[in-house]
Amino acid sequence: MRALVQRVTKASVSVDGNTVGSIQKGLCIFVGVTHSDKEETAKKLAKKLLNLRIFEDSSGKMNLSTLDIGSEILVISQFTLYGDARKGRRPSWVASAPAEVAEPLIESLVAYLRSEQIHVETGEFQKFMNVELINSGPSTLIIDID
């Protein structure tokens, strides 16, 4: 699984003009799934995201995690994270898992995050979504889990 993680002061996602998920201070996480990902991959990613020390402590250093401060998380599925644009002008989506593989793994990731009593919102799988966010820092990371 691949996650593009942005520390945000707020973020929201809408489908057909209706807000389907929104958070205040926390993480906006775009998640892609590839063919080799399994249930254990989702669990490892959840653990990494919950414990990622990306929030500033009283000294201004990134030493605090979502679990430390009880921040919120917005998870948005994004198959394009596995797009390959090295050749030609049109990206290839060959590395992206098909919907029937990806959707249950995204749902598992969300369930693992929620199991730690963290407020988690989501987008809608396989829908055209508009995402609005205010990136705090800016702070953006790419995390790959095998």
N, C-alpha and C. Protein backbone atom coordinates (compact mmCIF):
# COMPACT_ATOMS: atom_id res chain seq x y z
N MET A 1 0.85 -1.17 0.00
CA MET A 1 0.00 0.00 0.00
C MET A 1 0.89 1.23 0.00
N ARG A 2 0.37 2.27 -0.57
CA ARG A 2 1.09 3.54 -0.64
C ARG A 2 0.17 4.62 -0.08
N ALA A 3 0.74 5.47 0.76
CA ALA A 3 -0.04 6.57 1.33
C ALA A 3 0.68 7.89 1.10
N LEU A 4 -0.07 8.86 0.65
CA LEU A 4 0.41 10.23 0.59
C LEU A 4 -0.25 10.93 1.77
N VAL A 5 0.57 11.34 2.74
CA VAL A 5 0.08 11.85 4.01
C VAL A 5 0.34 13.34 4.08
N GLN A 6 -0.71 14.10 4.35
CA GLN A 6 -0.56 15.54 4.52
C GLN A 6 -1.08 15.95 5.89
N ARG A 7 -0.24 16.67 6.62
CA ARG A 7 -0.67 17.23 7.90
C ARG A 7 -1.52 18.45 7.56
N VAL A 8 -2.74 18.51 8.14
CA VAL A 8 -3.68 19.56 7.76
C VAL A 8 -4.26 20.26 8.98
N THR A 9 -4.69 21.49 8.77
CA THR A 9 -5.45 22.18 9.81
C THR A 9 -6.93 21.90 9.62
N LYS A 10 -7.32 21.57 8.36
CA LYS A 10 -8.66 21.06 8.08
C LYS A 10 -8.67 20.49 6.68
N ALA A 11 -9.61 19.57 6.45
CA ALA A 11 -9.73 18.94 5.14
C ALA A 11 -11.15 18.41 4.97
N SER A 12 -11.61 18.40 3.73
CA SER A 12 -12.93 17.83 3.45
C SER A 12 -12.94 17.21 2.06
N VAL A 13 -13.87 16.32 1.87
CA VAL A 13 -14.05 15.67 0.57
C VAL A 13 -15.53 15.68 0.24
N SER A 14 -15.83 15.98 -1.03
CA SER A 14 -17.23 16.02 -1.46
C SER A 14 -17.43 15.19 -2.71
N VAL A 15 -18.66 14.70 -2.85
CA VAL A 15 -19.09 13.93 -4.01
C VAL A 15 -20.39 14.57 -4.49
N ASP A 16 -20.44 14.91 -5.76
CA ASP A 16 -21.63 15.55 -6.35
C ASP A 16 -22.07 16.78 -5.55
N GLY A 17 -21.11 17.56 -5.06
CA GLY A 17 -21.40 18.78 -4.33
C GLY A 17 -21.79 18.59 -2.88
N ASN A 18 -21.83 17.35 -2.41
CA ASN A 18 -22.19 17.07 -1.01
C ASN A 18 -20.95 16.62 -0.23
N THR A 19 -20.70 17.26 0.90
CA THR A 19 -19.57 16.86 1.74
C THR A 19 -19.86 15.49 2.34
N VAL A 20 -18.92 14.56 2.11
CA VAL A 20 -19.09 13.20 2.64
C VAL A 20 -18.13 12.91 3.78
N GLY A 21 -17.11 13.77 3.96
CA GLY A 21 -16.17 13.62 5.05
C GLY A 21 -15.43 14.91 5.29
N SER A 22 -15.21 15.24 6.56
CA SER A 22 -14.42 16.43 6.87
C SER A 22 -13.79 16.27 8.25
N ILE A 23 -12.61 16.87 8.39
CA ILE A 23 -11.89 16.83 9.66
C ILE A 23 -11.32 18.21 9.95
N GLN A 24 -10.92 18.39 11.20
CA GLN A 24 -10.15 19.55 11.61
C GLN A 24 -8.69 19.10 11.68
N LYS A 25 -7.92 19.57 12.62
CA LYS A 25 -6.50 19.26 12.71
C LYS A 25 -6.25 17.75 12.67
N GLY A 26 -5.37 17.36 11.75
CA GLY A 26 -5.06 15.95 11.65
C GLY A 26 -4.31 15.61 10.39
N LEU A 27 -4.63 14.44 9.85
CA LEU A 27 -3.97 13.93 8.65
C LEU A 27 -4.99 13.68 7.55
N CYS A 28 -4.68 14.18 6.35
CA CYS A 28 -5.43 13.81 5.16
C CYS A 28 -4.56 12.79 4.45
N ILE A 29 -5.10 11.58 4.28
CA ILE A 29 -4.30 10.47 3.77
C ILE A 29 -4.94 9.91 2.50
N PHE A 30 -4.19 10.02 1.40
CA PHE A 30 -4.60 9.41 0.14
C PHE A 30 -3.95 8.04 0.09
N VAL A 31 -4.74 7.00 -0.20
CA VAL A 31 -4.23 5.63 -0.12
C VAL A 31 -4.43 4.90 -1.43
N GLY A 32 -3.34 4.29 -1.92
CA GLY A 32 -3.39 3.45 -3.10
C GLY A 32 -3.07 2.01 -2.72
N VAL A 33 -3.66 1.09 -3.46
CA VAL A 33 -3.47 -0.34 -3.21
C VAL A 33 -2.90 -0.98 -4.47
N THR A 34 -1.92 -1.86 -4.27
CA THR A 34 -1.34 -2.60 -5.39
C THR A 34 -1.67 -4.09 -5.24
N HIS A 35 -1.33 -4.87 -6.25
CA HIS A 35 -1.75 -6.28 -6.34
C HIS A 35 -1.25 -7.16 -5.20
N SER A 36 -0.08 -6.89 -4.66
CA SER A 36 0.50 -7.76 -3.63
C SER A 36 0.01 -7.42 -2.21
N ASP A 37 -0.79 -6.38 -2.06
CA ASP A 37 -1.24 -5.98 -0.73
C ASP A 37 -2.24 -6.98 -0.15
N LYS A 38 -2.12 -7.16 1.16
CA LYS A 38 -2.98 -8.10 1.90
C LYS A 38 -3.53 -7.41 3.13
N GLU A 39 -4.32 -8.12 3.90
CA GLU A 39 -4.88 -7.61 5.15
C GLU A 39 -3.76 -7.14 6.09
N GLU A 40 -2.70 -7.89 6.16
CA GLU A 40 -1.57 -7.53 7.03
C GLU A 40 -0.94 -6.21 6.60
N THR A 41 -0.95 -5.93 5.30
CA THR A 41 -0.41 -4.67 4.79
C THR A 41 -1.22 -3.49 5.32
N ALA A 42 -2.55 -3.63 5.31
CA ALA A 42 -3.42 -2.58 5.83
C ALA A 42 -3.17 -2.35 7.31
N LYS A 43 -2.97 -3.42 8.04
CA LYS A 43 -2.72 -3.31 9.48
C LYS A 43 -1.38 -2.61 9.75
N LYS A 44 -0.34 -2.95 8.99
CA LYS A 44 0.96 -2.31 9.14
C LYS A 44 0.87 -0.82 8.82
N LEU A 45 0.15 -0.49 7.76
CA LEU A 45 0.00 0.91 7.38
C LEU A 45 -0.74 1.69 8.46
N ALA A 46 -1.79 1.11 9.00
CA ALA A 46 -2.55 1.78 10.06
C ALA A 46 -1.64 2.06 11.26
N LYS A 47 -0.86 1.08 11.65
CA LYS A 47 0.04 1.26 12.79
C LYS A 47 1.04 2.37 12.51
N LYS A 48 1.60 2.39 11.31
CA LYS A 48 2.56 3.42 10.92
C LYS A 48 1.91 4.80 10.97
N LEU A 49 0.70 4.93 10.42
CA LEU A 49 0.02 6.22 10.37
C LEU A 49 -0.34 6.73 11.77
N LEU A 50 -0.82 5.84 12.62
CA LEU A 50 -1.20 6.24 13.97
C LEU A 50 -0.02 6.70 14.81
N ASN A 51 1.15 6.14 14.54
CA ASN A 51 2.34 6.44 15.34
C ASN A 51 3.33 7.37 14.66
N LEU A 52 3.00 7.84 13.47
CA LEU A 52 3.88 8.73 12.72
C LEU A 52 4.04 10.05 13.46
N ARG A 53 5.26 10.37 13.83
CA ARG A 53 5.53 11.59 14.60
C ARG A 53 5.68 12.76 13.66
N ILE A 54 4.55 13.37 13.33
CA ILE A 54 4.50 14.44 12.35
C ILE A 54 3.96 15.75 12.93
N PHE A 55 3.49 15.70 14.17
CA PHE A 55 2.95 16.90 14.82
C PHE A 55 3.99 17.48 15.76
N GLU A 56 4.01 18.80 15.86
CA GLU A 56 5.02 19.49 16.66
C GLU A 56 4.74 19.42 18.16
N ASP A 57 5.83 19.27 18.91
CA ASP A 57 5.74 19.32 20.37
C ASP A 57 5.92 20.77 20.82
N SER A 58 6.03 20.99 22.11
CA SER A 58 6.16 22.36 22.65
C SER A 58 7.45 23.05 22.22
N SER A 59 8.42 22.27 21.73
CA SER A 59 9.68 22.85 21.24
C SER A 59 9.67 23.09 19.74
N GLY A 60 8.55 22.79 19.09
CA GLY A 60 8.44 22.98 17.65
C GLY A 60 9.03 21.86 16.82
N LYS A 61 9.37 20.73 17.45
CA LYS A 61 9.92 19.57 16.73
C LYS A 61 8.81 18.57 16.45
N MET A 62 8.90 17.90 15.32
CA MET A 62 7.92 16.87 14.98
C MET A 62 8.18 15.65 15.83
N ASN A 63 7.55 15.59 16.99
CA ASN A 63 7.76 14.49 17.94
C ASN A 63 6.46 13.83 18.37
N LEU A 64 5.31 14.33 17.92
CA LEU A 64 4.03 13.81 18.39
C LEU A 64 3.26 13.14 17.26
N SER A 65 2.53 12.10 17.62
CA SER A 65 1.76 11.33 16.66
C SER A 65 0.26 11.62 16.81
N THR A 66 -0.50 11.06 15.90
CA THR A 66 -1.96 11.14 15.98
C THR A 66 -2.44 10.58 17.31
N LEU A 67 -1.88 9.46 17.75
CA LEU A 67 -2.28 8.88 19.03
C LEU A 67 -1.92 9.79 20.20
N ASP A 68 -0.79 10.48 20.09
CA ASP A 68 -0.36 11.37 21.17
C ASP A 68 -1.32 12.55 21.35
N ILE A 69 -1.80 13.12 20.25
CA ILE A 69 -2.61 14.34 20.36
C ILE A 69 -4.09 14.12 20.07
N GLY A 70 -4.47 12.90 19.64
CA GLY A 70 -5.87 12.62 19.35
C GLY A 70 -6.40 13.38 18.15
N SER A 71 -5.55 13.56 17.14
CA SER A 71 -6.00 14.28 15.95
C SER A 71 -6.94 13.42 15.12
N GLU A 72 -7.50 14.01 14.08
CA GLU A 72 -8.45 13.33 13.22
C GLU A 72 -7.76 12.87 11.93
N ILE A 73 -8.42 11.95 11.22
CA ILE A 73 -7.87 11.43 9.98
C ILE A 73 -8.96 11.39 8.91
N LEU A 74 -8.59 11.84 7.71
CA LEU A 74 -9.45 11.72 6.53
C LEU A 74 -8.75 10.79 5.56
N VAL A 75 -9.37 9.65 5.24
CA VAL A 75 -8.81 8.66 4.33
C VAL A 75 -9.55 8.73 3.00
N ILE A 76 -8.77 8.86 1.92
CA ILE A 76 -9.34 8.94 0.58
C ILE A 76 -8.63 7.93 -0.30
N SER A 77 -9.38 7.01 -0.88
CA SER A 77 -8.78 6.03 -1.78
C SER A 77 -8.35 6.74 -3.06
N GLN A 78 -7.18 6.36 -3.58
CA GLN A 78 -6.66 7.02 -4.78
C GLN A 78 -5.78 6.05 -5.55
N PHE A 79 -6.39 5.39 -6.54
CA PHE A 79 -5.66 4.40 -7.33
C PHE A 79 -4.52 5.06 -8.12
N THR A 80 -4.61 6.35 -8.38
CA THR A 80 -3.59 7.02 -9.18
C THR A 80 -2.23 7.09 -8.49
N LEU A 81 -2.16 6.78 -7.19
CA LEU A 81 -0.87 6.76 -6.51
C LEU A 81 0.06 5.70 -7.08
N TYR A 82 -0.50 4.71 -7.74
CA TYR A 82 0.33 3.69 -8.39
C TYR A 82 0.43 3.92 -9.89
N GLY A 83 0.12 5.11 -10.35
CA GLY A 83 0.28 5.44 -11.76
C GLY A 83 1.75 5.52 -12.12
N ASP A 84 2.07 5.08 -13.32
CA ASP A 84 3.45 5.10 -13.79
C ASP A 84 3.50 5.96 -15.05
N ALA A 85 4.20 7.09 -14.96
CA ALA A 85 4.28 8.03 -16.09
C ALA A 85 5.70 8.12 -16.65
N ARG A 86 6.49 7.08 -16.42
CA ARG A 86 7.88 7.13 -16.90
C ARG A 86 7.97 7.05 -18.41
N LYS A 87 7.02 6.38 -19.05
CA LYS A 87 7.05 6.25 -20.51
C LYS A 87 5.82 6.91 -21.10
N GLY A 88 6.02 7.57 -22.20
CA GLY A 88 4.90 8.18 -22.91
C GLY A 88 4.31 9.35 -22.15
N ARG A 89 3.10 9.73 -22.57
CA ARG A 89 2.44 10.89 -21.98
C ARG A 89 1.20 10.52 -21.18
N ARG A 90 0.77 9.27 -21.28
CA ARG A 90 -0.41 8.82 -20.53
C ARG A 90 0.05 7.83 -19.47
N PRO A 91 -0.29 8.08 -18.20
CA PRO A 91 0.14 7.15 -17.14
C PRO A 91 -0.47 5.76 -17.33
N SER A 92 0.27 4.78 -16.87
CA SER A 92 -0.21 3.40 -16.83
C SER A 92 -0.72 3.11 -15.43
N TRP A 93 -1.82 2.38 -15.34
CA TRP A 93 -2.41 2.05 -14.04
C TRP A 93 -2.25 0.56 -13.72
N VAL A 94 -1.33 -0.11 -14.40
CA VAL A 94 -1.13 -1.55 -14.26
C VAL A 94 -0.81 -1.95 -12.82
N ALA A 95 -0.09 -1.13 -12.09
CA ALA A 95 0.31 -1.48 -10.72
C ALA A 95 -0.82 -1.29 -9.70
N SER A 96 -1.88 -0.60 -10.08
CA SER A 96 -3.02 -0.39 -9.17
C SER A 96 -3.87 -1.65 -9.09
N ALA A 97 -4.23 -2.02 -7.88
CA ALA A 97 -5.08 -3.20 -7.69
C ALA A 97 -6.49 -2.91 -8.20
N PRO A 98 -7.19 -3.93 -8.70
CA PRO A 98 -8.57 -3.73 -9.12
C PRO A 98 -9.47 -3.41 -7.92
N ALA A 99 -10.60 -2.80 -8.19
CA ALA A 99 -11.51 -2.35 -7.14
C ALA A 99 -11.89 -3.46 -6.17
N GLU A 100 -12.12 -4.67 -6.67
CA GLU A 100 -12.55 -5.77 -5.79
C GLU A 100 -11.46 -6.19 -4.81
N VAL A 101 -10.21 -5.85 -5.09
CA VAL A 101 -9.11 -6.09 -4.16
C VAL A 101 -8.89 -4.87 -3.27
N ALA A 102 -8.91 -3.70 -3.87
CA ALA A 102 -8.58 -2.47 -3.16
C ALA A 102 -9.62 -2.06 -2.12
N GLU A 103 -10.90 -2.13 -2.47
CA GLU A 103 -11.93 -1.62 -1.56
C GLU A 103 -11.92 -2.30 -0.19
N PRO A 104 -11.88 -3.64 -0.12
CA PRO A 104 -11.85 -4.27 1.21
C PRO A 104 -10.60 -3.89 2.02
N LEU A 105 -9.47 -3.66 1.35
CA LEU A 105 -8.26 -3.29 2.07
C LEU A 105 -8.33 -1.86 2.59
N ILE A 106 -8.94 -0.96 1.83
CA ILE A 106 -9.15 0.41 2.32
C ILE A 106 -10.09 0.36 3.52
N GLU A 107 -11.15 -0.44 3.43
CA GLU A 107 -12.09 -0.57 4.55
C GLU A 107 -11.40 -1.14 5.79
N SER A 108 -10.51 -2.10 5.60
CA SER A 108 -9.75 -2.67 6.72
C SER A 108 -8.84 -1.62 7.34
N LEU A 109 -8.17 -0.84 6.52
CA LEU A 109 -7.32 0.23 7.02
C LEU A 109 -8.12 1.17 7.91
N VAL A 110 -9.28 1.60 7.44
CA VAL A 110 -10.14 2.51 8.19
C VAL A 110 -10.58 1.86 9.51
N ALA A 111 -10.93 0.60 9.46
CA ALA A 111 -11.36 -0.11 10.67
C ALA A 111 -10.23 -0.18 11.69
N TYR A 112 -9.01 -0.46 11.24
CA TYR A 112 -7.86 -0.49 12.16
C TYR A 112 -7.62 0.88 12.79
N LEU A 113 -7.71 1.93 11.99
CA LEU A 113 -7.53 3.28 12.53
C LEU A 113 -8.60 3.60 13.57
N ARG A 114 -9.84 3.27 13.27
CA ARG A 114 -10.95 3.55 14.19
C ARG A 114 -10.86 2.71 15.46
N SER A 115 -10.23 1.56 15.38
CA SER A 115 -10.13 0.69 16.56
C SER A 115 -9.29 1.33 17.66
N GLU A 116 -8.54 2.36 17.32
CA GLU A 116 -7.72 3.08 18.31
C GLU A 116 -8.44 4.34 18.81
N GLN A 117 -9.76 4.38 18.61
CA GLN A 117 -10.59 5.49 19.09
C GLN A 117 -10.23 6.83 18.45
N ILE A 118 -9.74 6.79 17.21
CA ILE A 118 -9.43 7.99 16.45
C ILE A 118 -10.62 8.30 15.56
N HIS A 119 -10.98 9.59 15.47
CA HIS A 119 -12.07 10.01 14.58
C HIS A 119 -11.56 9.93 13.14
N VAL A 120 -12.20 9.07 12.34
CA VAL A 120 -11.79 8.86 10.95
C VAL A 120 -12.97 9.12 10.04
N GLU A 121 -12.75 9.95 9.04
CA GLU A 121 -13.73 10.21 7.98
C GLU A 121 -13.16 9.64 6.69
N THR A 122 -14.02 9.43 5.70
CA THR A 122 -13.56 8.87 4.43
C THR A 122 -14.25 9.55 3.25
N GLY A 123 -13.66 9.32 2.09
CA GLY A 123 -14.31 9.66 0.84
C GLY A 123 -15.22 8.50 0.46
N GLU A 124 -15.60 8.43 -0.81
CA GLU A 124 -16.41 7.33 -1.31
C GLU A 124 -15.64 6.60 -2.40
N PHE A 125 -15.54 5.30 -2.25
CA PHE A 125 -14.76 4.48 -3.17
C PHE A 125 -15.34 4.55 -4.58
N GLN A 126 -14.47 4.67 -5.57
CA GLN A 126 -14.79 4.72 -7.00
C GLN A 126 -15.73 5.86 -7.38
N LYS A 127 -15.68 6.94 -6.66
CA LYS A 127 -16.47 8.13 -7.00
C LYS A 127 -15.51 9.24 -7.37
N PHE A 128 -16.00 10.17 -8.19
CA PHE A 128 -15.24 11.37 -8.49
C PHE A 128 -15.39 12.28 -7.28
N MET A 129 -14.26 12.63 -6.66
CA MET A 129 -14.29 13.40 -5.42
C MET A 129 -13.53 14.71 -5.59
N ASN A 130 -14.01 15.73 -4.92
CA ASN A 130 -13.28 16.98 -4.80
C ASN A 130 -12.77 17.08 -3.36
N VAL A 131 -11.48 17.33 -3.24
CA VAL A 131 -10.85 17.39 -1.92
C VAL A 131 -10.36 18.82 -1.69
N GLU A 132 -10.69 19.34 -0.54
CA GLU A 132 -10.17 20.64 -0.11
C GLU A 132 -9.41 20.43 1.17
N LEU A 133 -8.22 21.06 1.26
CA LEU A 133 -7.44 20.93 2.48
C LEU A 133 -6.52 22.12 2.66
N ILE A 134 -6.16 22.33 3.89
CA ILE A 134 -5.13 23.32 4.22
C ILE A 134 -3.98 22.54 4.80
N ASN A 135 -2.90 22.45 4.02
CA ASN A 135 -1.72 21.71 4.42
C ASN A 135 -0.96 22.54 5.43
N SER A 136 -0.69 21.98 6.59
CA SER A 136 -0.03 22.68 7.68
C SER A 136 1.47 22.43 7.61
N GLY A 137 2.21 23.45 7.32
CA GLY A 137 3.67 23.34 7.30
C GLY A 137 4.32 24.03 6.09
N PRO A 138 4.15 23.56 4.90
CA PRO A 138 3.47 22.33 4.48
C PRO A 138 4.25 21.09 4.92
N SER A 139 3.51 20.05 5.17
CA SER A 139 4.12 18.80 5.59
C SER A 139 3.45 17.66 4.84
N THR A 140 4.20 17.01 3.95
CA THR A 140 3.68 15.93 3.12
C THR A 140 4.69 14.80 3.06
N LEU A 141 4.23 13.58 3.27
CA LEU A 141 5.09 12.40 3.22
C LEU A 141 4.47 11.33 2.32
N ILE A 142 5.34 10.53 1.71
CA ILE A 142 4.89 9.35 0.98
C ILE A 142 5.38 8.15 1.75
N ILE A 143 4.45 7.24 2.05
CA ILE A 143 4.78 6.05 2.83
C ILE A 143 4.41 4.82 2.01
N ASP A 144 5.38 3.94 1.81
CA ASP A 144 5.16 2.67 1.14
C ASP A 144 5.27 1.56 2.15
N ILE A 145 4.29 0.66 2.16
CA ILE A 145 4.29 -0.50 3.05
C ILE A 145 4.25 -1.75 2.18
N ASP A 146 5.18 -2.66 2.42
CA ASP A 146 5.20 -3.93 1.67
C ASP A 146 4.48 -5.00 2.42
